[in-house]
């Protein structure tokens, strides 16, 4: 029998400044807050955010998280990519909040345009045009 994975259920991100990251993901990126809980035993918040109608990001806060390895090519998760309909509009929107965005590039295999930026902890994020 072969393992059948249906889809990605969620992506978990640990942040160093919960309020700053909550604002970034919910207000700047516009992800819908599904639920927020404070787990007293862990002194930790868990914020569930909806991406479209299909995916979810879990944003965690923990006291004194270990810093992320150097970027861009550290072992592990390379980046998180979000599909957008209009890349220029998306870039305009996030730069209005003072977010720095790399120059737009073109994927040599698909011909699609994309760019990178970072969340408040330096996690590389990508906008990929549909």
Foldseek 3Di string as FASTA:
>chain_A
DDDDDDDDAEAEDEDADVVQLCCCVCPQVNWAWPDWDQDVVQRKIWTWTDQPPGYIYIYMYGPPDDADPDDQDDPDDRAAEHEDADVVVSVVSNVVVVWDKDDWDADPVPRWIKIWTAGPRRGIYMYTHD
